[in-house]
Amino acid sequence: MAEHKHSIAELEQEIRRLNRLVEVSVAINSTLELRSLLSIIMDRAAEITGAESASVMLYESRSDELHFVATTSGSRIKDELLNIPVPIDASLAGKILREGKPIVRNDLADDPLHFRDVAAQTGFETRSLLGVPMLYHDEPIGVLEAVNKSAGDWTRTDLRNMLVLASQSAVAIRNAQMVEQLQNAYNELDQLDKLKSDFISIASHELRTPLSVILGYATFLKEDAQGEASAHASAVLNSALRMRNLIEDMTNLRYLKLGESELSKEHIPLAAIFQEAQNDVEDMAAAKSHRLEVRTPDVGTVVVVDRIKFSMALTNLLYNAIKFTPSGGRITLSFERKPNAIWITVKDTGVGIPQDQLERIFEEFHQVEDHMTRRHGGMGLGLSIARALVTAHGGRIWAESDGPGHGSMFYISLPQGG
């Protein structure tokens, strides 16, 4: 009967131990933030073993050393300890890592492998130690230690608990490290993306003014020069136009992937949007001797848009019309009220679009002509960026054409009231 009661007591104790380990497991897996995770591991390791303190050391392959990365949150030596490297060949922790086996020491006074630099540098005296390896896919990544048993010697239960905790901790630490590495990589990419955007913005801004001057002079020379000088002026003008196309692509590139949350909408007269777009493209239209007709909306026609981004979409359509219309053509910008929408139209007398290309022209980097024989230049981004900007505003954009040689019409349908 006494043996039966003893067995029940042992079983109850084992159930309590397992329940505690489940609670610890839940706590460990509650976060992927490395610092928080290490703090949880340390506190739980000291708690379930009845230890004064606990610590985690991770292996650093470049220096072939162990490094303290965490100790119990209440430890008075926490900061000092984290700066102390532990050698592999002259320490108990190194032996645990190298052999992949736990070590239990109830008295470290005369142990030759006891690493005494910790006591020398921090004043914290380690009297007893229970250390276990942390393995990830059978590879040792570090050591988990419980230090200074509060009462009596380390027990087999202490060892079992530490082995389970070390196994769970190794996986959790590695996962947290991978998340941290991914976050660092993302932050670096985000910073690079910001630098790219800033560079593009500054470069395109600085290039616009001198290029406008070049376009103006080249247009003037082409009109007044004769013979060979006129041919040279035409070459300069064509090169300047190609450069202007590339600058516009550079400026717009960052808006290729745009969400509605990135818009700053306001109520704006459509006439103001038309005027800004006209100002942006006038020099290019003049350089190609186009007639630019703008049918200005009345002052009562108001749209709810992000002024800069929607103007950019409209400007891209005008640039596209200018680029693909032979010299001396006509570009028309107009609008029409529809039920619950405003339609904006850009019509040209240009090269036209084959029926099977009317949707594909809005794809990134796509141009109707073969990429090896492009005559018009550019990266094929203007229309795809215009579509991204219009779509972000909740609108639609599409093209119509009677085919090659018959010009094109591009439409934007913008919902009334934004």
Foldseek 3Di string as FASTA:
>chain_A
DVVVVVVVVVVVVVVVLVVLLVVLLCCLPPDLAQVSNQQSLFVSLCVSFQFPKKWKWFADVVVRWTFTPAMHPPDPCTVVRRVDTHHLPQAPFNVCQVVQAKDWFQACPPPRSHDCVCCVRRVDDFGTKIKGFQDDVNHTGIMIMGTHRPDDGGDPSSNVSVVSSSPSSSVSNVSSVVVVVVVVVVVVVVVVVVVLLVCLVVVLVVPVVVLLVQLVVLLVQLVPPDDPSNVVSLVSNLVSLQVNQASLCSNLVVLLADALVPADKDKDFVLVLQVVLCVVCVSLCSSLQEAEAEDGDDRPRIAIGRSVLLSSLVNLVVSVQSLQAHRHKYWYWDWDDDVQKIKIKIWIQGFWDAPVCFVVLLDFQDDPDDPVDDDRHHRSHSNVSSQSSLVNQVKHKTKDTPGTRGTIMIMIIGGHPD
